[in-house]
């Protein structure tokens, strides 16, 4: 299931990036879509790599990237900018996911 979610997340990231490049209302909206797409794609791929060895960190990366990216996408599509206050929660979860992965790998080596 993690693989499915990660693959769908990557597809959404590519779609967001394409929309940012060709259909965003303005430069700020395009930047939000590019940033969200970048972080979502990187962490979807990372989750695919990690899922066999570090399932918990892989899930944390996906959840963090979803919160981070979806708040940016929502603002790019016209949602209130106060959603930007939620975006760092996603970033924090991403950092926790990477630190957790480091801990898992430190125990394996």
PDB file of N, CA and C in Angstrom:
ATOM      1  N   UNK A   1       0.816  -1.193   0.000  1.00  0.00           N
ATOM      2  CA  UNK A   1       0.000   0.000   0.000  1.00  0.00           C
ATOM      3  C   UNK A   1       0.866   1.267   0.000  1.00  0.00           C
ATOM      4  N   UNK A   2       2.007   1.221   0.700  1.00  0.00           N
ATOM      5  CA  UNK A   2       2.892   2.389   0.706  1.00  0.00           C
ATOM      6  C   UNK A   2       3.369   2.685  -0.714  1.00  0.00           C
ATOM      7  N   UNK A   3       3.691   1.642  -1.450  1.00  0.00           N
ATOM      8  CA  UNK A   3       4.143   1.829  -2.826  1.00  0.00           C
ATOM      9  C   UNK A   3       3.084   2.490  -3.691  1.00  0.00           C
ATOM     10  N   UNK A   4       1.838   2.068  -3.535  1.00  0.00           N
ATOM     11  CA  UNK A   4       0.738   2.668  -4.294  1.00  0.00           C
ATOM     12  C   UNK A   4       0.591   4.145  -3.951  1.00  0.00           C
ATOM     13  N   UNK A   5       0.578   4.452  -2.666  1.00  0.00           N
ATOM     14  CA  UNK A   5       0.439   5.849  -2.233  1.00  0.00           C
ATOM     15  C   UNK A   5       1.619   6.678  -2.740  1.00  0.00           C
ATOM     16  N   UNK A   6       2.816   6.134  -2.658  1.00  0.00           N
ATOM     17  CA  UNK A   6       3.998   6.863  -3.120  1.00  0.00           C
ATOM     18  C   UNK A   6       3.932   7.115  -4.627  1.00  0.00           C
ATOM     19  N   UNK A   7       3.519   6.114  -5.389  1.00  0.00           N
ATOM     20  CA  UNK A   7       3.421   6.284  -6.838  1.00  0.00           C
ATOM     21  C   UNK A   7       2.351   7.313  -7.210  1.00  0.00           C
ATOM     22  N   UNK A   8       1.207   7.264  -6.533  1.00  0.00           N
ATOM     23  CA  UNK A   8       0.156   8.255  -6.789  1.00  0.00           C
ATOM     24  C   UNK A   8       0.615   9.651  -6.368  1.00  0.00           C
ATOM     25  N   UNK A   9       1.359   9.723  -5.289  1.00  0.00           N
ATOM     26  CA  UNK A   9       1.906  10.997  -4.832  1.00  0.00           C
ATOM     27  C   UNK A   9       2.859  11.575  -5.877  1.00  0.00           C
ATOM     28  N   UNK A  10       3.696  10.730  -6.452  1.00  0.00           N
ATOM     29  CA  UNK A  10       4.618  11.185  -7.494  1.00  0.00           C
ATOM     30  C   UNK A  10       3.855  11.680  -8.718  1.00  0.00           C
ATOM     31  N   UNK A  11       2.798  10.973  -9.092  1.00  0.00           N
ATOM     32  CA  UNK A  11       1.988  11.401 -10.236  1.00  0.00           C
ATOM     33  C   UNK A  11       1.357  12.767  -9.977  1.00  0.00           C
ATOM     34  N   UNK A  12       0.827  12.967  -8.775  1.00  0.00           N
ATOM     35  CA  UNK A  12       0.241  14.257  -8.419  1.00  0.00           C
ATOM     36  C   UNK A  12       1.296  15.359  -8.454  1.00  0.00           C
ATOM     37  N   UNK A  13       2.492  15.046  -8.003  1.00  0.00           N
ATOM     38  CA  UNK A  13       3.574  16.032  -8.009  1.00  0.00           C
ATOM     39  C   UNK A  13       3.905  16.481  -9.428  1.00  0.00           C
ATOM     40  N   UNK A  14       3.968  15.538 -10.352  1.00  0.00           N
ATOM     41  CA  UNK A  14       4.253  15.882 -11.746  1.00  0.00           C
ATOM     42  C   UNK A  14       3.121  16.734 -12.319  1.00  0.00           C
ATOM     43  N   UNK A  15       1.883  16.369 -12.004  1.00  0.00           N
ATOM     44  CA  UNK A  15       0.735  17.149 -12.479  1.00  0.00           C
ATOM     45  C   UNK A  15       0.773  18.570 -11.919  1.00  0.00           C
ATOM     46  N   UNK A  16       1.114  18.709 -10.645  1.00  0.00           N
ATOM     47  CA  UNK A  16       1.191  20.041 -10.032  1.00  0.00           C
ATOM     48  C   UNK A  16       2.283  20.875 -10.692  1.00  0.00           C
ATOM     49  N   UNK A  17       3.417  20.255 -10.952  1.00  0.00           N
ATOM     50  CA  UNK A  17       4.498  20.973 -11.620  1.00  0.00           C
ATOM     51  C   UNK A  17       4.110  21.416 -13.019  1.00  0.00           C
ATOM     52  N   UNK A  18       3.428  20.551 -13.747  1.00  0.00           N
ATOM     53  CA  UNK A  18       2.982  20.902 -15.094  1.00  0.00           C
ATOM     54  C   UNK A  18       1.971  22.044 -15.049  1.00  0.00           C
ATOM     55  N   UNK A  19       1.043  21.967 -14.105  1.00  0.00           N
ATOM     56  CA  UNK A  19       0.058  23.039 -13.970  1.00  0.00           C
ATOM     57  C   UNK A  19       0.748  24.344 -13.585  1.00  0.00           C
ATOM     58  N   UNK A  20       1.745  24.254 -12.715  1.00  0.00           N
ATOM     59  CA  UNK A  20       2.496  25.443 -12.329  1.00  0.00           C
ATOM     60  C   UNK A  20       3.217  26.075 -13.508  1.00  0.00           C
ATOM     61  N   UNK A  21       3.706  25.246 -14.415  1.00  0.00           N
ATOM     62  CA  UNK A  21       4.437  25.750 -15.571  1.00  0.00           C
ATOM     63  C   UNK A  21       3.519  26.328 -16.643  1.00  0.00           C
ATOM     64  N   UNK A  22       2.287  25.818 -16.729  1.00  0.00           N
ATOM     65  CA  UNK A  22       1.441  26.185 -17.867  1.00  0.00           C
ATOM     66  C   UNK A  22       0.088  26.796 -17.526  1.00  0.00           C
ATOM     67  N   UNK A  23      -0.359  26.689 -16.267  1.00  0.00           N
ATOM     68  CA  UNK A  23      -1.718  27.139 -16.007  1.00  0.00           C
ATOM     69  C   UNK A  23      -1.925  27.953 -14.751  1.00  0.00           C
ATOM     70  N   UNK A  24      -0.867  28.257 -14.038  1.00  0.00           N
ATOM     71  CA  UNK A  24      -1.020  28.996 -12.782  1.00  0.00           C
ATOM     72  C   UNK A  24      -1.470  30.427 -13.060  1.00  0.00           C
ATOM     73  N   UNK A  25      -2.225  30.980 -12.122  1.00  0.00           N
ATOM     74  CA  UNK A  25      -2.781  32.323 -12.284  1.00  0.00           C
ATOM     75  C   UNK A  25      -1.708  33.410 -12.261  1.00  0.00           C
ATOM     76  N   UNK A  26      -0.660  33.205 -11.503  1.00  0.00           N
ATOM     77  CA  UNK A  26       0.393  34.216 -11.388  1.00  0.00           C
ATOM     78  C   UNK A  26       1.700  33.590 -10.961  1.00  0.00           C
ATOM     79  N   UNK A  27       2.711  34.416 -10.807  1.00  0.00           N
ATOM     80  CA  UNK A  27       4.037  33.901 -10.451  1.00  0.00           C
ATOM     81  C   UNK A  27       4.065  33.280  -9.060  1.00  0.00           C
ATOM     82  N   UNK A  28       3.386  33.885  -8.086  1.00  0.00           N
ATOM     83  CA  UNK A  28       3.364  33.314  -6.730  1.00  0.00           C
ATOM     84  C   UNK A  28       2.704  31.943  -6.737  1.00  0.00           C
ATOM     85  N   UNK A  29       1.588  31.836  -7.451  1.00  0.00           N
ATOM     86  CA  UNK A  29       0.887  30.551  -7.534  1.00  0.00           C
ATOM     87  C   UNK A  29       1.757  29.503  -8.222  1.00  0.00           C
ATOM     88  N   UNK A  30       2.451  29.908  -9.284  1.00  0.00           N
ATOM     89  CA  UNK A  30       3.351  28.985  -9.985  1.00  0.00           C
ATOM     90  C   UNK A  30       4.469  28.518  -9.060  1.00  0.00           C
ATOM     91  N   UNK A  31       5.003  29.432  -8.259  1.00  0.00           N
ATOM     92  CA  UNK A  31       6.073  29.072  -7.325  1.00  0.00           C
ATOM     93  C   UNK A  31       5.583  28.086  -6.273  1.00  0.00           C
ATOM     94  N   UNK A  32       4.378  28.301  -5.751  1.00  0.00           N
ATOM     95  CA  UNK A  32       3.815  27.357  -4.778  1.00  0.00           C
ATOM     96  C   UNK A  32       3.662  25.970  -5.404  1.00  0.00           C
ATOM     97  N   UNK A  33       3.194  25.917  -6.645  1.00  0.00           N
ATOM     98  CA  UNK A  33       3.019  24.626  -7.312  1.00  0.00           C
ATOM     99  C   UNK A  33       4.364  23.954  -7.577  1.00  0.00           C
ATOM    100  N   UNK A  34       5.347  24.723  -8.012  1.00  0.00           N
ATOM    101  CA  UNK A  34       6.685  24.153  -8.253  1.00  0.00           C
ATOM    102  C   UNK A  34       7.306  23.630  -6.962  1.00  0.00           C
ATOM    103  N   UNK A  35       7.218  24.430  -5.910  1.00  0.00           N
ATOM    104  CA  UNK A  35       7.811  24.020  -4.633  1.00  0.00           C
ATOM    105  C   UNK A  35       7.112  22.785  -4.085  1.00  0.00           C
ATOM    106  N   UNK A  36       5.798  22.801  -4.076  1.00  0.00           N
ATOM    107  CA  UNK A  36       5.045  21.642  -3.595  1.00  0.00           C
ATOM    108  C   UNK A  36       5.351  20.398  -4.410  1.00  0.00           C
ATOM    109  N   UNK A  37       5.373  20.554  -5.731  1.00  0.00           N
ATOM    110  CA  UNK A  37       5.657  19.417  -6.600  1.00  0.00           C
ATOM    111  C   UNK A  37       7.050  18.856  -6.386  1.00  0.00           C
ATOM    112  N   UNK A  38       8.021  19.739  -6.217  1.00  0.00           N
ATOM    113  CA  UNK A  38       9.401  19.314  -5.986  1.00  0.00           C
ATOM    114  C   UNK A  38       9.518  18.475  -4.718  1.00  0.00           C
ATOM    115  N   UNK A  39       8.995  19.007  -3.623  1.00  0.00           N
ATOM    116  CA  UNK A  39       9.092  18.284  -2.351  1.00  0.00           C
ATOM    117  C   UNK A  39       8.273  16.997  -2.367  1.00  0.00           C
ATOM    118  N   UNK A  40       7.106  17.035  -2.970  1.00  0.00           N
ATOM    119  CA  UNK A  40       6.279  15.834  -3.008  1.00  0.00           C
ATOM    120  C   UNK A  40       6.947  14.745  -3.851  1.00  0.00           C
ATOM    121  N   UNK A  41       7.504  15.112  -4.990  1.00  0.00           N
ATOM    122  CA  UNK A  41       8.140  14.118  -5.854  1.00  0.00           C
ATOM    123  C   UNK A  41       9.374  13.503  -5.198  1.00  0.00           C
ATOM    124  N   UNK A  42      10.226  14.332  -4.625  1.00  0.00           N
ATOM    125  CA  UNK A  42      11.435  13.814  -3.974  1.00  0.00           C
ATOM    126  C   UNK A  42      11.074  12.823  -2.870  1.00  0.00           C
ATOM    127  N   UNK A  43      10.082  13.171  -2.079  1.00  0.00           N
ATOM    128  CA  UNK A  43       9.763  12.325  -0.932  1.00  0.00           C
ATOM    129  C   UNK A  43       8.913  11.117  -1.310  1.00  0.00           C
ATOM    130  N   UNK A  44       8.205  11.183  -2.433  1.00  0.00           N
ATOM    131  CA  UNK A  44       7.527   9.989  -2.939  1.00  0.00           C
ATOM    132  C   UNK A  44       8.566   8.958  -3.386  1.00  0.00           C
ATOM    133  N   UNK A  45       9.573   9.418  -4.107  1.00  0.00           N
ATOM    134  CA  UNK A  45      10.642   8.511  -4.549  1.00  0.00           C
ATOM    135  C   UNK A  45      11.412   7.976  -3.343  1.00  0.00           C
ATOM    136  N   UNK A  46      11.708   8.847  -2.390  1.00  0.00           N
ATOM    137  CA  UNK A  46      12.408   8.399  -1.179  1.00  0.00           C
ATOM    138  C   UNK A  46      11.600   7.336  -0.443  1.00  0.00           C
ATOM    139  N   UNK A  47      10.291   7.516  -0.373  1.00  0.00           N
ATOM    140  CA  UNK A  47       9.443   6.526   0.296  1.00  0.00           C
ATOM    141  C   UNK A  47       9.491   5.191  -0.440  1.00  0.00           C
ATOM    142  N   UNK A  48       9.511   5.232  -1.769  1.00  0.00           N
ATOM    143  CA  UNK A  48       9.624   3.986  -2.536  1.00  0.00           C
ATOM    144  C   UNK A  48      10.937   3.274  -2.228  1.00  0.00           C
ATOM    145  N   UNK A  49      12.002   4.029  -2.078  1.00  0.00           N
ATOM    146  CA  UNK A  49      13.309   3.447  -1.767  1.00  0.00           C
ATOM    147  C   UNK A  49      13.334   2.892  -0.343  1.00  0.00           C
ATOM    148  N   UNK A  50      12.759   3.636   0.592  1.00  0.00           N
ATOM    149  CA  UNK A  50      12.825   3.263   2.010  1.00  0.00           C
ATOM    150  C   UNK A  50      11.838   2.181   2.428  1.00  0.00           C
ATOM    151  N   UNK A  51      10.740   2.016   1.693  1.00  0.00           N
ATOM    152  CA  UNK A  51       9.622   1.221   2.213  1.00  0.00           C
ATOM    153  C   UNK A  51       9.981  -0.220   2.560  1.00  0.00           C
ATOM    154  N   UNK A  52      10.966  -0.792   1.911  1.00  0.00           N
ATOM    155  CA  UNK A  52      11.324  -2.163   2.223  1.00  0.00           C
ATOM    156  C   UNK A  52      12.168  -2.319   3.472  1.00  0.00           C
ATOM    157  N   UNK A  53      12.830  -1.251   3.868  1.00  0.00           N
ATOM    158  CA  UNK A  53      13.765  -1.312   4.988  1.00  0.00           C
ATOM    159  C   UNK A  53      13.277  -0.509   6.191  1.00  0.00           C
ATOM    160  N   UNK A  54      12.661   0.622   5.906  1.00  0.00           N
ATOM    161  CA  UNK A  54      12.259   1.542   6.974  1.00  0.00           C
ATOM    162  C   UNK A  54      10.835   2.030   6.701  1.00  0.00           C
ATOM    163  N   UNK A  55       9.872   1.167   6.988  1.00  0.00           N
ATOM    164  CA  UNK A  55       8.465   1.450   6.681  1.00  0.00           C
ATOM    165  C   UNK A  55       7.950   2.697   7.402  1.00  0.00           C
ATOM    166  N   UNK A  56       8.230   2.830   8.678  1.00  0.00           N
ATOM    167  CA  UNK A  56       7.762   3.983   9.447  1.00  0.00           C
ATOM    168  C   UNK A  56       8.269   5.300   8.884  1.00  0.00           C
ATOM    169  N   UNK A  57       9.581   5.412   8.653  1.00  0.00           N
ATOM    170  CA  UNK A  57      10.083   6.646   8.055  1.00  0.00           C
ATOM    171  C   UNK A  57       9.494   6.926   6.672  1.00  0.00           C
ATOM    172  N   UNK A  58       9.273   5.882   5.885  1.00  0.00           N
ATOM    173  CA  UNK A  58       8.670   6.077   4.561  1.00  0.00           C
ATOM    174  C   UNK A  58       7.281   6.693   4.687  1.00  0.00           C
ATOM    175  N   UNK A  59       6.492   6.183   5.621  1.00  0.00           N
ATOM    176  CA  UNK A  59       5.153   6.734   5.850  1.00  0.00           C
ATOM    177  C   UNK A  59       5.248   8.172   6.336  1.00  0.00           C
ATOM    178  N   UNK A  60       6.175   8.441   7.238  1.00  0.00           N
ATOM    179  CA  UNK A  60       6.344   9.800   7.757  1.00  0.00           C
ATOM    180  C   UNK A  60       6.696  10.769   6.633  1.00  0.00           C
ATOM    181  N   UNK A  61       7.566  10.358   5.724  1.00  0.00           N
ATOM    182  CA  UNK A  61       7.913  11.218   4.592  1.00  0.00           C
ATOM    183  C   UNK A  61       6.697  11.502   3.725  1.00  0.00           C
ATOM    184  N   UNK A  62       5.890  10.480   3.472  1.00  0.00           N
ATOM    185  CA  UNK A  62       4.693  10.672   2.647  1.00  0.00           C
ATOM    186  C   UNK A  62       3.686  11.600   3.312  1.00  0.00           C
ATOM    187  N   UNK A  63       3.465  11.408   4.596  1.00  0.00           N
ATOM    188  CA  UNK A  63       2.508  12.262   5.321  1.00  0.00           C
ATOM    189  C   UNK A  63       3.021  13.700   5.366  1.00  0.00           C
ATOM    190  N   UNK A  64       4.286  13.859   5.707  1.00  0.00           N
ATOM    191  CA  UNK A  64       4.859  15.200   5.763  1.00  0.00           C
ATOM    192  C   UNK A  64       4.808  15.904   4.416  1.00  0.00           C
ATOM    193  N   UNK A  65       5.183  15.187   3.365  1.00  0.00           N
ATOM    194  CA  UNK A  65       5.162  15.783   2.028  1.00  0.00           C
ATOM    195  C   UNK A  65       3.742  16.122   1.596  1.00  0.00           C
ATOM    196  N   UNK A  66       2.781  15.283   1.976  1.00  0.00           N
ATOM    197  CA  UNK A  66       1.386  15.567   1.629  1.00  0.00           C
ATOM    198  C   UNK A  66       0.916  16.854   2.299  1.00  0.00           C
ATOM    199  N   UNK A  67       1.177  16.988   3.580  1.00  0.00           N
ATOM    200  CA  UNK A  67       0.757  18.205   4.291  1.00  0.00           C
ATOM    201  C   UNK A  67       1.467  19.421   3.709  1.00  0.00           C
ATOM    202  N   UNK A  68       2.764  19.315   3.530  1.00  0.00           N
ATOM    203  CA  UNK A  68       3.550  20.427   2.990  1.00  0.00           C
ATOM    204  C   UNK A  68       3.024  20.832   1.614  1.00  0.00           C
ATOM    205  N   UNK A  69       2.930  19.863   0.720  1.00  0.00           N
ATOM    206  CA  UNK A  69       2.583  20.160  -0.668  1.00  0.00           C
ATOM    207  C   UNK A  69       1.120  20.536  -0.851  1.00  0.00           C
ATOM    208  N   UNK A  70       0.223  19.802  -0.208  1.00  0.00           N
ATOM    209  CA  UNK A  70      -1.198  20.072  -0.420  1.00  0.00           C
ATOM    210  C   UNK A  70      -1.605  21.449   0.082  1.00  0.00           C
ATOM    211  N   UNK A  71      -0.971  21.939   1.136  1.00  0.00           N
ATOM    212  CA  UNK A  71      -1.290  23.299   1.578  1.00  0.00           C
ATOM    213  C   UNK A  71      -0.821  24.319   0.538  1.00  0.00           C
ATOM    214  N   UNK A  72       0.332  24.078  -0.068  1.00  0.00           N
ATOM    215  CA  UNK A  72       0.803  24.975  -1.124  1.00  0.00           C
ATOM    216  C   UNK A  72      -0.096  24.897  -2.348  1.00  0.00           C
ATOM    217  N   UNK A  73      -0.494  23.683  -2.740  1.00  0.00           N
ATOM    218  CA  UNK A  73      -1.393  23.533  -3.886  1.00  0.00           C
ATOM    219  C   UNK A  73      -2.711  24.253  -3.629  1.00  0.00           C
ATOM    220  N   UNK A  74      -3.238  24.093  -2.435  1.00  0.00           N
ATOM    221  CA  UNK A  74      -4.521  24.721  -2.103  1.00  0.00           C
ATOM    222  C   UNK A  74      -4.421  26.241  -2.223  1.00  0.00           C
ATOM    223  N   UNK A  75      -3.345  26.816  -1.700  1.00  0.00           N
ATOM    224  CA  UNK A  75      -3.179  28.273  -1.809  1.00  0.00           C
ATOM    225  C   UNK A  75      -3.028  28.695  -3.270  1.00  0.00           C
ATOM    226  N   UNK A  76      -2.320  27.886  -4.059  1.00  0.00           N
ATOM    227  CA  UNK A  76      -2.146  28.207  -5.478  1.00  0.00           C
ATOM    228  C   UNK A  76      -3.478  28.189  -6.222  1.00  0.00           C
ATOM    229  N   UNK A  77      -4.413  27.395  -5.725  1.00  0.00           N
ATOM    230  CA  UNK A  77      -5.727  27.299  -6.370  1.00  0.00           C
ATOM    231  C   UNK A  77      -6.754  28.240  -5.754  1.00  0.00           C
ATOM    232  N   UNK A  78      -6.310  29.124  -4.853  1.00  0.00           N
ATOM    233  CA  UNK A  78      -7.198  30.147  -4.331  1.00  0.00           C
ATOM    234  C   UNK A  78      -7.626  30.015  -2.888  1.00  0.00           C
ATOM    235  N   UNK A  79      -7.161  28.995  -2.194  1.00  0.00           N
ATOM    236  CA  UNK A  79      -7.507  28.847  -0.773  1.00  0.00           C
ATOM    237  C   UNK A  79      -6.850  29.976   0.019  1.00  0.00           C
ATOM    238  N   UNK A  80      -7.353  30.248   1.220  1.00  0.00           N
ATOM    239  CA  UNK A  80      -6.782  31.335   2.022  1.00  0.00           C
ATOM    240  C   UNK A  80      -5.303  31.098   2.345  1.00  0.00           C
ATOM    241  N   UNK A  81      -4.551  32.181   2.354  1.00  0.00           N
ATOM    242  CA  UNK A  81      -3.112  32.061   2.591  1.00  0.00           C
ATOM    243  C   UNK A  81      -2.770  31.687   4.028  1.00  0.00           C
ATOM    244  N   UNK A  82      -3.739  31.713   4.949  1.00  0.00           N
ATOM    245  CA  UNK A  82      -3.441  31.260   6.312  1.00  0.00           C
ATOM    246  C   UNK A  82      -3.075  29.778   6.321  1.00  0.00           C
ATOM    247  N   UNK A  83      -3.418  29.052   5.250  1.00  0.00           N
ATOM    248  CA  UNK A  83      -2.985  27.652   5.160  1.00  0.00           C
ATOM    249  C   UNK A  83      -1.463  27.542   5.174  1.00  0.00           C
ATOM    250  N   UNK A  84      -0.796  28.623   4.779  1.00  0.00           N
ATOM    251  CA  UNK A  84       0.664  28.630   4.823  1.00  0.00           C
ATOM    252  C   UNK A  84       1.211  28.410   6.221  1.00  0.00           C
ATOM    253  N   UNK A  85       0.397  28.667   7.237  1.00  0.00           N
ATOM    254  CA  UNK A  85       0.827  28.411   8.617  1.00  0.00           C
ATOM    255  C   UNK A  85       0.886  26.918   8.918  1.00  0.00           C
ATOM    256  N   UNK A  86       0.196  26.110   8.121  1.00  0.00           N
ATOM    257  CA  UNK A  86       0.185  24.656   8.311  1.00  0.00           C
ATOM    258  C   UNK A  86       1.358  24.002   7.573  1.00  0.00           C
ATOM    259  N   UNK A  87       1.804  24.636   6.513  1.00  0.00           N
ATOM    260  CA  UNK A  87       2.868  24.074   5.676  1.00  0.00           C
ATOM    261  C   UNK A  87       4.094  23.629   6.476  1.00  0.00           C
ATOM    262  N   UNK A  88       4.588  24.417   7.436  1.00  0.00           N
ATOM    263  CA  UNK A  88       5.772  23.986   8.194  1.00  0.00           C
ATOM    264  C   UNK A  88       5.559  22.711   9.019  1.00  0.00           C
ATOM    265  N   UNK A  89       4.317  22.395   9.339  1.00  0.00           N
ATOM    266  CA  UNK A  89       4.061  21.122  10.032  1.00  0.00           C
ATOM    267  C   UNK A  89       4.492  19.972   9.132  1.00  0.00           C
ATOM    268  N   UNK A  90       4.135  20.065   7.862  1.00  0.00           N
ATOM    269  CA  UNK A  90       4.566  19.048   6.913  1.00  0.00           C
ATOM    270  C   UNK A  90       6.073  18.983   6.799  1.00  0.00           C
ATOM    271  N   UNK A  91       6.717  20.148   6.736  1.00  0.00           N
ATOM    272  CA  UNK A  91       8.177  20.180   6.674  1.00  0.00           C
ATOM    273  C   UNK A  91       8.823  19.556   7.894  1.00  0.00           C
ATOM    274  N   UNK A  92       8.234  19.808   9.049  1.00  0.00           N
ATOM    275  CA  UNK A  92       8.752  19.216  10.287  1.00  0.00           C
ATOM    276  C   UNK A  92       8.624  17.698  10.255  1.00  0.00           C
ATOM    277  N   UNK A  93       7.498  17.197   9.761  1.00  0.00           N
ATOM    278  CA  UNK A  93       7.319  15.743   9.655  1.00  0.00           C
ATOM    279  C   UNK A  93       8.314  15.132   8.671  1.00  0.00           C
ATOM    280  N   UNK A  94       8.619  15.854   7.604  1.00  0.00           N
ATOM    281  CA  UNK A  94       9.634  15.378   6.657  1.00  0.00           C
ATOM    282  C   UNK A  94      10.989  15.258   7.357  1.00  0.00           C
ATOM    283  N   UNK A  95      11.363  16.274   8.103  1.00  0.00           N
ATOM    284  CA  UNK A  95      12.635  16.230   8.837  1.00  0.00           C
ATOM    285  C   UNK A  95      12.645  15.061   9.816  1.00  0.00           C
ATOM    286  N   UNK A  96      11.546  14.876  10.544  1.00  0.00           N
ATOM    287  CA  UNK A  96      11.451  13.747  11.478  1.00  0.00           C
ATOM    288  C   UNK A  96      11.592  12.428  10.727  1.00  0.00           C
ATOM    289  N   UNK A  97      10.964  12.322   9.560  1.00  0.00           N
ATOM    290  CA  UNK A  97      11.077  11.103   8.761  1.00  0.00           C
ATOM    291  C   UNK A  97      12.512  10.797   8.369  1.00  0.00           C
ATOM    292  N   UNK A  98      13.252  11.825   7.963  1.00  0.00           N
ATOM    293  CA  UNK A  98      14.656  11.615   7.599  1.00  0.00           C
ATOM    294  C   UNK A  98      15.507  11.248   8.801  1.00  0.00           C
ATOM    295  N   UNK A  99      15.267  11.910   9.926  1.00  0.00           N
ATOM    296  CA  UNK A  99      16.024  11.561  11.135  1.00  0.00           C
ATOM    297  C   UNK A  99      15.697  10.145  11.593  1.00  0.00           C
ATOM    298  N   UNK A 100      14.440   9.759  11.483  1.00  0.00           N
ATOM    299  CA  UNK A 100      14.018   8.404  11.833  1.00  0.00           C
ATOM    300  C   UNK A 100      14.704   7.397  10.913  1.00  0.00           C
ATOM    301  N   UNK A 101      14.753   7.705   9.618  1.00  0.00           N
ATOM    302  CA  UNK A 101      15.439   6.816   8.674  1.00  0.00           C
ATOM    303  C   UNK A 101      16.916   6.689   9.035  1.00  0.00           C
ATOM    304  N   UNK A 102      17.543   7.800   9.397  1.00  0.00           N
ATOM    305  CA  UNK A 102      18.952   7.752   9.807  1.00  0.00           C
ATOM    306  C   UNK A 102      19.125   6.852  11.020  1.00  0.00           C
ATOM    307  N   UNK A 103      18.212   6.955  11.968  1.00  0.00           N
ATOM    308  CA  UNK A 103      18.274   6.117  13.168  1.00  0.00           C
ATOM    309  C   UNK A 103      18.122   4.640  12.799  1.00  0.00           C
ATOM    310  N   UNK A 104      17.155   4.336  11.922  1.00  0.00           N
ATOM    311  CA  UNK A 104      16.950   2.942  11.495  1.00  0.00           C
ATOM    312  C   UNK A 104      18.219   2.402  10.846  1.00  0.00           C
ATOM    313  N   UNK A 105      18.797   3.178   9.946  1.00  0.00           N
ATOM    314  CA  UNK A 105      20.003   2.716   9.263  1.00  0.00           C
ATOM    315  C   UNK A 105      21.200   2.637  10.202  1.00  0.00           C
ATOM    316  N   UNK A 106      21.275   3.506  11.191  1.00  0.00           N
ATOM    317  CA  UNK A 106      22.393   3.439  12.138  1.00  0.00           C
ATOM    318  C   UNK A 106      22.337   2.160  12.960  1.00  0.00           C
ATOM    319  N   UNK A 107      21.155   1.642  13.174  1.00  0.00           N
ATOM    320  CA  UNK A 107      20.989   0.412  13.947  1.00  0.00           C
ATOM    321  C   UNK A 107      21.263  -0.830  13.097  1.00  0.00           C
ATOM    322  N   UNK A 108      21.189  -0.687  11.785  1.00  0.00           N
ATOM    323  CA  UNK A 108      21.423  -1.820  10.875  1.00  0.00           C
ATOM    324  C   UNK A 108      22.902  -1.995  10.552  1.00  0.00           C
ATOM    325  N   UNK A 109      23.633  -0.903  10.529  1.00  0.00           N
ATOM    326  CA  UNK A 109      25.044  -0.950  10.091  1.00  0.00           C
ATOM    327  C   UNK A 109      25.978  -1.348  11.205  1.00  0.00           C
TER     328      UNK A 109
END
